[in-house]
Amino acid sequence: MSFAESFLDGFDLLNKRVEGGLKSCSEFATFYKNFAKNEREYAKGLAKLASTEKKEFQKASSSSKEVGSTFSSWEGIFSELEKKADFHNQLATKIENELSLAISNFIKEKTKTKKKLDMDSDKLRKDLKAQHENLSKSRTKYVSAVKESEAQEKLCNDPNQKPSNIPKLETKRRQLVEKAEQADKDYTQTLATTNQKQSEYYQTTMPALLREYQDFEEERVKFMKDQTNTWYVWSAEESPVTAAIFQNVGSHVDAINVDTDISAYCSEFATGVTQPPDIEYQPHEGEGVGTPRGTQRATPQKKPATSGPTRFGTQKVWGLQPGDEHLSEDEKYAKLSAQNDEIEKTIATETKKKDGLENLVRFYASDPVSKKKAEEEVTEMDHIISKLREEQQKIHSQMGGSSSSNGNYNNNSNDSYAQSDSSGGIRMRGLYDYTATADTELSFSEGDILLITNQDDDSWWYAELNGNAGFVPNNYVEPI
């Protein structure tokens, strides 16, 4: 079957079909865009799951931490899940950049073809309609001329006519007969022309145009079939990829060995304690009073004295010591210069910790006990920083007295400190949305740029965003 056989005078129907076909293509393009969106969201969720769980897995406390083959296997499993997420992300990109774009371009191209078909079909029908109108006018003119001729014939044959009027009536009758005969010839000619054009219309021009409509529809159906097949082929690749991924997962699972993990846990977390010797009998040392053998007690051992908490920098001996007299002037200056660099970094680190504690003081405004403890730690930190600065001044003084300094040393430690303090922290980007669960935490959205001002804790960092501040989980942000 063909359009030429099935759709004679069906231009209105076919024009609607062309318009509807392009609309169908647009709906398919929307489908593929939504499919790609779902693929990307799935990939994003899977990647987030693998990344978050991997970080939590790696920093688990000693009581919940996996070791040995279980640890290695799960590291591999998380990596395989990231591969699966990457496949779905790539599939989404291909559908968006190739499939949906190809359909959009096809619609643009075929919209031009549709306009041409509309114009050609309108012109074809208008030409034939104009010819039919000419035929109708020609026949109307012919019928009118015949009727006038017949009416004049009756007047001429009227017995009541005066003989004097007959010549005049006869002359007019002949004129009307000639007019009717010419009108008949014109009508006959117009009829022949109309039949010829009508024959060409139905046998040549209309079938040719209907063939163009059919070509349009065939090309559209074939194009959409090709795009659907491309989508199918790309999507079907998931099966072998997923099969390979989970084959690797299976290998990781098979690699878990109970005996290996027990040995690994023992090696990593062993207490190092051995069985103590038997407790010896200790006689009573009182004033001659005996102690029954069943009631002797071991003398408690004295707990060794331990020094209080110390911080790096406060216990170290800074500057030149009497034992350094044998050093040359260059060696003395080099030692002092290295110590100066080291103490500058120490001051910057302790100052950063102090800033974090001051943040805690503000947050614990409604908790007097916690606030007092944080304030005491700030005071202690001020004391440490003050001591370090005194030591640094001593180093600067000794450096100034060294003959190797040649006057080149410039005390810029205050400037360096000021730069570090005025930098405001490190800019990082939110990886995921996070909603605060406490007053001391800071909510943010994926893509937000946060200013990290304190990183003392292994899991929670202090950050600022849009005038607000609080703690954020460090596995939810990344450096810019």
Protein backbone atom coordinates (compact mmCIF):
# COMPACT_ATOMS: atom_id res chain seq x y z
CA MET A 1 0.00 0.00 0.00
CA SER A 2 1.09 3.55 -0.65
CA PHE A 3 -0.01 7.06 0.18
CA ALA A 4 -0.72 7.67 -3.53
CA GLU A 5 -3.29 4.86 -3.49
CA SER A 6 -4.74 5.51 -0.06
CA PHE A 7 -4.83 9.27 0.39
CA LEU A 8 -6.24 10.92 -2.74
CA ASP A 9 -7.51 14.34 -1.67
CA GLY A 10 -6.08 13.55 1.78
CA PHE A 11 -3.74 16.50 2.14
CA ASP A 12 -5.47 17.84 5.27
CA LEU A 13 -5.15 14.43 6.92
CA LEU A 14 -1.49 14.06 5.93
CA ASN A 15 -0.58 17.57 7.02
CA LYS A 16 -1.95 16.76 10.46
CA ARG A 17 0.02 13.50 10.40
CA VAL A 18 3.26 15.32 9.61
CA GLU A 19 2.64 17.79 12.44
CA GLY A 20 1.73 14.96 14.82
CA GLY A 21 4.82 12.96 13.79
CA LEU A 22 7.11 15.85 14.68
CA LYS A 23 5.30 16.26 17.97
CA SER A 24 5.84 12.55 18.65
CA CYS A 25 9.58 13.02 17.97
CA SER A 26 9.64 15.88 20.47
CA GLU A 27 7.95 13.68 23.08
CA PHE A 28 10.55 10.97 22.49
CA ALA A 29 13.31 13.58 22.94
CA THR A 30 11.73 14.55 26.28
CA PHE A 31 11.59 10.89 27.27
CA TYR A 32 15.31 10.42 26.59
CA LYS A 33 16.16 13.61 28.49
CA ASN A 34 14.20 12.38 31.51
CA PHE A 35 15.79 8.96 31.19
CA ALA A 36 19.24 10.57 31.18
CA LYS A 37 18.25 12.68 34.20
CA ASN A 38 17.22 9.56 36.12
CA GLU A 39 20.46 7.80 35.11
CA ARG A 40 22.51 10.76 36.35
CA GLU A 41 20.61 10.97 39.63
CA TYR A 42 21.09 7.24 40.14
CA ALA A 43 24.82 7.56 39.35
CA LYS A 44 25.14 10.50 41.70
CA GLY A 45 23.36 8.67 44.52
CA LEU A 46 25.41 5.50 44.01
CA ALA A 47 28.68 7.45 43.89
CA LYS A 48 27.71 9.35 47.04
CA LEU A 49 26.84 6.09 48.79
CA ALA A 50 30.13 4.45 47.81
CA SER A 51 32.22 7.52 48.69
CA THR A 52 30.52 8.20 52.02
CA GLU A 53 30.54 4.59 53.14
CA LYS A 54 34.15 4.18 52.03
CA LYS A 55 35.23 7.15 54.15
CA GLU A 56 33.23 5.97 57.14
CA PHE A 57 34.67 2.49 56.65
CA GLN A 58 38.24 3.80 56.54
CA LYS A 59 37.98 6.00 59.64
CA ALA A 60 36.01 3.55 61.79
CA SER A 61 37.03 3.35 65.43
CA SER A 62 39.16 0.45 66.60
CA SER A 63 36.12 -1.35 68.02
CA SER A 64 34.23 -1.36 64.69
CA LYS A 65 37.12 -1.26 62.23
CA GLU A 66 37.46 -4.17 59.83
CA VAL A 67 40.94 -5.52 59.21
CA GLY A 68 42.80 -7.89 56.94
CA SER A 69 40.99 -9.45 54.00
CA THR A 70 37.59 -8.02 54.99
CA PHE A 71 39.01 -4.50 54.93
CA SER A 72 40.74 -5.06 51.57
CA SER A 73 37.69 -6.73 50.05
CA TRP A 74 35.31 -3.96 51.02
CA GLU A 75 37.72 -1.36 49.70
CA GLY A 76 37.52 -3.23 46.38
CA ILE A 77 33.70 -3.47 46.56
CA PHE A 78 33.39 0.29 47.08
CA SER A 79 35.64 0.82 44.05
CA GLU A 80 33.42 -1.47 41.94
CA LEU A 81 30.33 0.49 42.99
CA GLU A 82 32.09 3.67 41.87
CA LYS A 83 32.69 2.00 38.48
CA LYS A 84 28.98 1.19 38.21
CA ALA A 85 28.11 4.80 39.06
CA ASP A 86 30.58 5.96 36.41
CA PHE A 87 28.89 3.74 33.77
CA HIS A 88 25.47 5.25 34.48
CA ASN A 89 26.91 8.76 34.46
CA GLN A 90 28.55 8.14 31.06
CA LEU A 91 25.28 6.67 29.73
CA ALA A 92 23.41 9.81 30.83
CA THR A 93 26.00 12.01 29.10
CA LYS A 94 25.80 10.08 25.83
CA ILE A 95 21.99 10.21 25.79
CA GLU A 96 21.99 13.96 26.47
CA ASN A 97 24.81 14.93 24.11
CA GLU A 98 24.10 12.53 21.24
CA LEU A 99 20.62 11.00 21.29
CA SER A 100 18.49 13.92 22.45
CA LEU A 101 20.53 16.37 20.37
CA ALA A 102 20.16 14.25 17.21
CA ILE A 103 16.36 14.17 17.63
CA SER A 104 16.23 17.94 18.21
CA ASN A 105 18.24 18.55 15.04
CA PHE A 106 16.01 16.13 13.10
CA ILE A 107 12.90 18.03 14.23
CA LYS A 108 14.41 21.36 13.12
CA GLU A 109 15.29 19.96 9.69
CA LYS A 110 11.92 18.28 9.13
CA THR A 111 9.99 21.33 10.25
CA LYS A 112 11.31 23.03 7.12
CA THR A 113 10.17 20.04 5.02
CA LYS A 114 6.73 20.25 6.63
CA LYS A 115 6.37 23.91 5.61
CA LYS A 116 7.26 23.03 2.01
CA LEU A 117 4.70 20.20 1.94
CA ASP A 118 2.05 22.53 3.34
CA MET A 119 2.79 25.15 0.68
CA ASP A 120 2.93 22.65 -2.21
CA SER A 121 -0.33 20.95 -1.24
CA ASP A 122 -2.10 24.30 -0.85
CA LYS A 123 -0.89 25.52 -4.25
CA LEU A 124 -1.89 22.26 -5.96
CA ARG A 125 -5.39 22.38 -4.56
CA LYS A 126 -5.80 26.10 -5.25
CA ASP A 127 -4.79 25.62 -8.91
CA LEU A 128 -7.36 22.86 -9.43
CA LYS A 129 -10.01 24.79 -7.53
CA ALA A 130 -9.38 27.86 -9.72
CA GLN A 131 -9.79 25.72 -12.82
CA HIS A 132 -13.10 24.33 -11.52
CA GLU A 133 -14.25 27.87 -10.83
CA ASN A 134 -13.36 28.86 -14.40
CA LEU A 135 -15.34 25.90 -15.67
CA SER A 136 -18.31 26.88 -13.54
CA LYS A 137 -18.20 30.45 -14.81
CA SER A 138 -17.88 29.25 -18.40
CA ARG A 139 -20.91 26.98 -18.08
CA THR A 140 -22.93 29.71 -16.39
CA LYS A 141 -22.11 32.03 -19.26
CA TYR A 142 -23.01 29.32 -21.78
CA VAL A 143 -26.36 28.52 -20.11
CA SER A 144 -27.23 32.20 -19.88
CA ALA A 145 -26.46 32.72 -23.60
CA VAL A 146 -28.59 29.71 -24.63
CA LYS A 147 -31.49 30.91 -22.53
CA GLU A 148 -31.33 34.37 -24.09
CA SER A 149 -31.24 32.81 -27.57
CA GLU A 150 -34.23 30.59 -26.82
CA ALA A 151 -36.18 33.51 -25.41
CA GLN A 152 -35.49 35.55 -28.53
CA GLU A 153 -36.56 32.57 -30.67
CA LYS A 154 -39.93 32.58 -28.92
CA LEU A 155 -40.39 36.27 -29.53
CA CYS A 156 -39.68 35.82 -33.20
CA ASN A 157 -42.19 32.98 -33.44
CA ASP A 158 -44.89 34.82 -31.53
CA PRO A 159 -47.92 35.17 -33.91
CA ASN A 160 -48.96 38.30 -32.13
CA GLN A 161 -45.83 40.18 -33.17
CA LYS A 162 -46.33 43.06 -35.57
CA PRO A 163 -44.84 42.39 -38.97
CA SER A 164 -42.82 45.57 -38.70
CA ASN A 165 -40.95 44.21 -35.64
CA ILE A 166 -40.00 40.89 -37.16
CA PRO A 167 -36.81 42.00 -39.01
CA LYS A 168 -35.40 43.62 -35.88
CA LEU A 169 -36.23 40.64 -33.70
CA GLU A 170 -34.73 38.27 -36.22
CA THR A 171 -31.47 40.20 -36.31
CA LYS A 172 -31.16 40.07 -32.54
CA ARG A 173 -32.01 36.36 -32.55
CA ARG A 174 -29.14 35.62 -34.92
CA GLN A 175 -26.78 37.64 -32.71
CA LEU A 176 -27.86 35.73 -29.60
CA VAL A 177 -27.53 32.40 -31.43
CA GLU A 178 -23.97 33.31 -32.37
CA LYS A 179 -23.27 34.37 -28.77
CA ALA A 180 -24.68 31.09 -27.49
CA GLU A 181 -22.63 29.10 -29.96
CA GLN A 182 -19.44 30.94 -28.88
CA ALA A 183 -20.31 30.41 -25.23
CA ASP A 184 -20.78 26.73 -26.01
CA LYS A 185 -17.38 26.57 -27.66
CA ASP A 186 -15.75 28.40 -24.72
CA TYR A 187 -17.45 26.10 -22.24
CA THR A 188 -16.43 23.04 -24.23
CA GLN A 189 -12.82 24.22 -24.37
CA THR A 190 -12.76 25.06 -20.66
CA LEU A 191 -14.28 21.68 -19.87
CA ALA A 192 -11.56 19.91 -21.84
CA THR A 193 -8.84 21.96 -20.13
CA THR A 194 -10.35 21.25 -16.73
CA ASN A 195 -10.54 17.52 -17.38
CA GLN A 196 -6.95 17.53 -18.55
CA LYS A 197 -5.74 19.37 -15.43
CA GLN A 198 -7.87 17.19 -13.19
CA SER A 199 -6.40 14.09 -14.81
CA GLU A 200 -2.88 15.43 -14.32
CA TYR A 201 -3.76 16.35 -10.73
CA TYR A 202 -4.94 12.86 -9.78
CA GLN A 203 -2.57 10.87 -11.94
CA THR A 204 0.68 12.87 -11.76
CA THR A 205 1.03 15.90 -9.48
CA MET A 206 -0.98 14.64 -6.51
CA PRO A 207 0.67 11.16 -6.46
CA ALA A 208 4.09 12.82 -6.69
CA LEU A 209 3.34 15.04 -3.72
CA LEU A 210 1.80 12.13 -1.81
CA ARG A 211 5.07 10.29 -2.44
CA GLU A 212 6.89 13.14 -0.69
CA TYR A 213 4.56 12.79 2.29
CA GLN A 214 5.28 9.07 2.37
CA ASP A 215 9.03 9.71 2.13
CA PHE A 216 8.73 12.10 5.07
CA GLU A 217 6.91 9.54 7.19
CA GLU A 218 9.22 6.67 6.21
CA GLU A 219 12.30 8.71 7.04
CA ARG A 220 10.81 9.82 10.37
CA VAL A 221 9.88 6.28 11.43
CA LYS A 222 13.28 4.91 10.38
CA PHE A 223 15.13 7.72 12.17
CA MET A 224 13.23 7.16 15.42
CA LYS A 225 13.80 3.43 15.10
CA ASP A 226 17.55 4.04 14.77
CA GLN A 227 17.57 6.33 17.81
CA THR A 228 15.59 3.85 19.87
CA ASN A 229 17.96 1.09 18.82
CA THR A 230 20.93 3.24 19.85
CA TRP A 231 19.35 3.78 23.26
CA TYR A 232 18.71 0.06 23.54
CA VAL A 233 22.30 -0.85 22.61
CA TRP A 234 23.77 1.66 25.05
CA SER A 235 21.45 0.57 27.86
CA ALA A 236 22.06 -3.12 27.14
CA GLU A 237 25.76 -2.56 27.76
CA GLU A 238 24.86 -2.30 31.45
CA SER A 239 24.34 -6.06 31.66
CA PRO A 240 27.90 -7.11 30.76
CA VAL A 241 29.34 -4.15 32.68
CA THR A 242 27.28 -4.96 35.75
CA ALA A 243 28.10 -8.65 35.36
CA ALA A 244 31.82 -7.85 35.24
CA ILE A 245 31.52 -5.51 38.22
CA PHE A 246 29.72 -8.06 40.36
CA GLN A 247 32.07 -10.78 39.21
CA ASN A 248 34.81 -8.62 40.71
CA VAL A 249 32.65 -8.09 43.79
CA GLY A 250 32.32 -11.86 44.07
CA SER A 251 36.09 -12.21 43.87
CA HIS A 252 36.46 -9.67 46.66
CA VAL A 253 33.93 -11.57 48.77
CA ASP A 254 35.73 -14.87 48.12
CA ALA A 255 38.97 -13.24 49.24
CA ILE A 256 37.63 -12.70 52.76
CA ASN A 257 39.43 -15.19 55.02
CA VAL A 258 38.37 -15.60 58.62
CA ASP A 259 41.75 -16.87 59.90
CA THR A 260 43.61 -14.07 58.10
CA ASP A 261 41.35 -11.42 59.60
CA ILE A 262 41.66 -12.84 63.13
CA SER A 263 45.43 -12.78 62.79
CA ALA A 264 45.37 -9.24 61.37
CA TYR A 265 43.17 -7.96 64.20
CA CYS A 266 45.43 -9.57 66.79
CA SER A 267 48.51 -8.06 65.18
CA GLU A 268 47.04 -4.55 64.95
CA PHE A 269 45.27 -4.26 68.28
CA ALA A 270 47.15 -6.64 70.56
CA THR A 271 47.37 -5.36 74.18
CA GLY A 272 50.94 -6.58 74.61
CA VAL A 273 50.04 -7.84 78.09
CA THR A 274 51.52 -11.15 79.24
CA GLN A 275 50.49 -13.26 82.21
CA PRO A 276 51.97 -11.88 85.43
CA PRO A 277 54.02 -14.17 87.72
CA ASP A 278 52.39 -15.93 90.64
CA ILE A 279 51.77 -13.69 93.62
CA GLU A 280 54.29 -14.50 96.35
CA TYR A 281 53.43 -14.90 99.95
CA GLN A 282 54.28 -11.80 101.96
CA PRO A 283 54.36 -12.20 105.72
CA HIS A 284 52.84 -9.64 108.02
CA GLU A 285 55.37 -7.04 109.12
CA GLY A 286 53.45 -5.79 112.14
CA GLU A 287 54.36 -5.96 115.83
CA GLY A 288 54.67 -9.67 116.11
CA VAL A 289 51.12 -10.40 115.14
CA GLY A 290 50.98 -13.33 112.73
CA THR A 291 48.99 -13.24 109.57
CA PRO A 292 47.10 -16.39 108.53
CA ARG A 293 48.41 -17.78 105.27
CA GLY A 294 44.99 -17.53 103.65
CA THR A 295 44.68 -13.79 104.20
CA GLN A 296 47.91 -12.35 102.83
CA ARG A 297 47.60 -9.38 100.47
CA ALA A 298 49.94 -8.17 97.76
CA THR A 299 51.35 -4.73 98.36
CA PRO A 300 49.94 -2.29 95.83
CA GLN A 301 52.60 -1.09 93.45
CA LYS A 302 53.21 2.63 93.36
CA LYS A 303 51.86 4.25 90.25
CA PRO A 304 54.75 5.79 88.34
CA ALA A 305 54.70 9.55 88.23
CA THR A 306 53.66 11.04 84.93
CA SER A 307 54.15 14.55 83.69
CA GLY A 308 51.17 16.71 82.92
CA PRO A 309 49.97 17.32 79.37
CA THR A 310 52.52 19.07 77.20
CA ARG A 311 52.23 20.79 73.86
CA PHE A 312 54.80 20.89 71.11
CA GLY A 313 57.03 23.89 71.51
CA THR A 314 56.67 24.48 75.28
CA GLN A 315 59.15 21.77 76.36
CA LYS A 316 61.70 22.18 73.61
CA VAL A 317 64.88 24.12 74.28
CA TRP A 318 65.17 27.00 71.83
CA GLY A 319 68.13 29.14 70.81
CA LEU A 320 71.87 28.55 71.18
CA GLN A 321 73.04 26.56 74.21
CA PRO A 322 76.46 26.36 75.89
CA GLY A 323 77.14 23.17 73.99
CA ASP A 324 76.90 25.09 70.68
CA GLU A 325 80.08 27.14 71.27
CA HIS A 326 82.05 24.82 68.99
CA LEU A 327 79.82 25.73 66.02
CA SER A 328 80.98 28.21 63.41
CA GLU A 329 79.10 31.49 62.95
CA ASP A 330 77.45 30.17 59.76
CA GLU A 331 76.36 26.97 61.52
CA LYS A 332 74.97 28.96 64.46
CA TYR A 333 73.00 31.21 62.11
CA ALA A 334 71.67 28.22 60.14
CA LYS A 335 70.51 26.54 63.36
CA LEU A 336 68.80 29.70 64.59
CA SER A 337 67.16 30.28 61.20
CA ALA A 338 65.75 26.73 61.14
CA GLN A 339 64.45 27.18 64.70
CA ASN A 340 62.85 30.48 63.74
CA ASP A 341 60.97 28.83 60.84
CA GLU A 342 59.89 25.99 63.11
CA ILE A 343 58.67 28.24 65.91
CA GLU A 344 56.75 30.44 63.44
CA LYS A 345 54.84 27.38 62.19
CA THR A 346 54.23 26.29 65.78
CA ILE A 347 52.82 29.71 66.72
CA ALA A 348 50.55 29.67 63.66
CA THR A 349 49.28 26.17 64.53
CA GLU A 350 48.63 27.03 68.18
CA THR A 351 46.89 30.28 67.15
CA LYS A 352 44.63 28.34 64.79
CA LYS A 353 43.72 25.95 67.63
CA LYS A 354 43.02 28.90 69.87
CA ASP A 355 40.62 30.33 67.24
CA GLY A 356 38.75 27.03 67.22
CA LEU A 357 38.45 27.07 71.02
CA GLU A 358 37.14 30.66 70.93
CA ASN A 359 34.44 29.45 68.52
CA LEU A 360 33.50 26.81 71.09
CA VAL A 361 33.28 29.48 73.80
CA ARG A 362 30.68 31.33 71.70
CA PHE A 363 28.70 28.17 71.00
CA TYR A 364 28.65 27.10 74.66
CA ALA A 365 27.15 30.42 75.78
CA SER A 366 24.12 28.56 77.17
CA ASP A 367 26.24 25.79 78.79
CA PRO A 368 28.25 27.36 81.67
CA VAL A 369 30.23 24.21 82.47
CA SER A 370 31.38 23.58 78.89
CA LYS A 371 31.96 27.29 78.32
CA LYS A 372 34.19 27.54 81.40
CA LYS A 373 36.23 24.54 80.31
CA ALA A 374 36.70 26.05 76.82
CA GLU A 375 37.69 29.43 78.35
CA GLU A 376 40.31 27.71 80.53
CA GLU A 377 41.74 26.04 77.46
CA VAL A 378 41.86 29.41 75.65
CA THR A 379 43.76 30.89 78.61
CA GLU A 380 46.18 27.97 78.55
CA MET A 381 46.65 28.45 74.80
CA ASP A 382 47.34 32.17 75.29
CA HIS A 383 50.03 31.25 77.83
CA ILE A 384 51.63 28.76 75.43
CA ILE A 385 51.61 31.26 72.54
CA SER A 386 53.10 33.96 74.82
CA LYS A 387 55.91 31.62 75.89
CA LEU A 388 56.60 30.71 72.28
CA ARG A 389 56.83 34.40 71.32
CA GLU A 390 59.32 35.01 74.16
CA GLU A 391 61.42 32.13 72.86
CA GLN A 392 61.17 33.54 69.33
CA GLN A 393 62.40 36.96 70.54
CA LYS A 394 65.38 35.21 72.11
CA ILE A 395 66.12 33.51 68.78
CA HIS A 396 65.83 36.85 66.94
CA SER A 397 68.21 38.46 69.45
CA GLN A 398 70.79 35.69 68.97
CA MET A 399 70.41 35.86 65.20
CA GLY A 400 71.00 39.60 65.28
CA GLY A 401 74.21 39.04 67.24
CA SER A 402 75.52 36.44 64.81
CA SER A 403 78.30 37.77 62.58
CA SER A 404 76.93 35.62 59.72
CA SER A 405 73.70 37.55 59.63
CA ASN A 406 75.41 40.43 57.77
CA GLY A 407 72.39 42.53 58.65
CA ASN A 408 70.24 40.57 56.19
CA TYR A 409 67.85 39.13 58.75
CA ASN A 410 64.52 40.90 58.89
CA ASN A 411 62.11 40.10 61.66
CA ASN A 412 59.01 39.39 59.59
CA SER A 413 57.44 36.85 61.90
CA ASN A 414 54.72 39.28 62.93
CA ASP A 415 53.94 40.02 59.29
CA SER A 416 53.75 36.31 58.44
CA TYR A 417 51.52 35.71 61.37
CA ALA A 418 49.30 38.59 60.36
CA GLN A 419 48.98 37.17 56.84
CA SER A 420 48.09 33.74 58.16
CA ASP A 421 45.57 35.20 60.57
CA SER A 422 43.97 37.49 57.95
CA SER A 423 43.62 34.77 55.32
CA GLY A 424 40.36 33.71 56.94
CA GLY A 425 40.74 29.99 56.31
CA ILE A 426 40.44 27.63 53.36
CA ARG A 427 37.67 27.81 50.72
CA MET A 428 35.92 24.50 50.09
CA ARG A 429 32.88 23.35 48.08
CA GLY A 430 29.96 21.35 49.48
CA LEU A 431 29.83 17.84 47.96
CA TYR A 432 26.31 17.07 49.21
CA ASP A 433 23.41 18.76 51.01
CA TYR A 434 23.79 18.77 54.81
CA THR A 435 21.17 19.74 57.39
CA ALA A 436 22.43 20.69 60.84
CA THR A 437 21.27 18.41 63.68
CA ALA A 438 22.49 20.66 66.49
CA ASP A 439 22.83 24.40 67.20
CA THR A 440 26.61 24.15 66.87
CA GLU A 441 26.40 22.75 63.31
CA LEU A 442 26.08 24.61 59.99
CA SER A 443 23.62 23.66 57.22
CA PHE A 444 24.70 23.98 53.59
CA SER A 445 23.77 22.78 50.09
CA GLU A 446 25.69 20.95 47.41
CA GLY A 447 27.87 23.44 45.54
CA ASP A 448 27.95 26.06 48.34
CA ILE A 449 31.39 27.64 48.90
CA LEU A 450 32.33 27.44 52.60
CA LEU A 451 35.21 29.10 54.44
CA ILE A 452 36.89 26.50 56.66
CA THR A 453 38.52 28.35 59.57
CA ASN A 454 39.46 25.42 61.77
CA GLN A 455 40.41 21.79 60.97
CA ASP A 456 41.58 20.52 64.36
CA ASP A 457 39.09 17.65 64.54
CA ASP A 458 39.50 14.58 62.32
CA SER A 459 35.80 14.48 61.40
CA TRP A 460 34.29 17.94 62.01
CA TRP A 461 35.63 21.27 60.81
CA TYR A 462 34.53 24.79 61.69
CA ALA A 463 33.15 26.74 58.73
CA GLU A 464 31.42 30.00 57.76
CA LEU A 465 28.72 30.56 55.13
CA ASN A 466 26.59 33.65 54.39
CA GLY A 467 27.27 35.19 57.80
CA ASN A 468 26.53 31.95 59.69
CA ALA A 469 29.11 29.66 61.30
CA GLY A 470 29.24 26.17 62.75
CA PHE A 471 30.75 22.73 62.50
CA VAL A 472 30.44 20.66 59.28
CA PRO A 473 31.40 16.99 58.50
CA ASN A 474 34.70 17.06 56.61
CA ASN A 475 33.66 14.22 54.26
CA TYR A 476 30.87 16.46 52.91
CA VAL A 477 33.28 19.10 51.48
CA GLU A 478 36.17 19.17 49.02
CA PRO A 479 38.94 21.68 48.26
CA ILE A 480 38.30 24.09 45.39
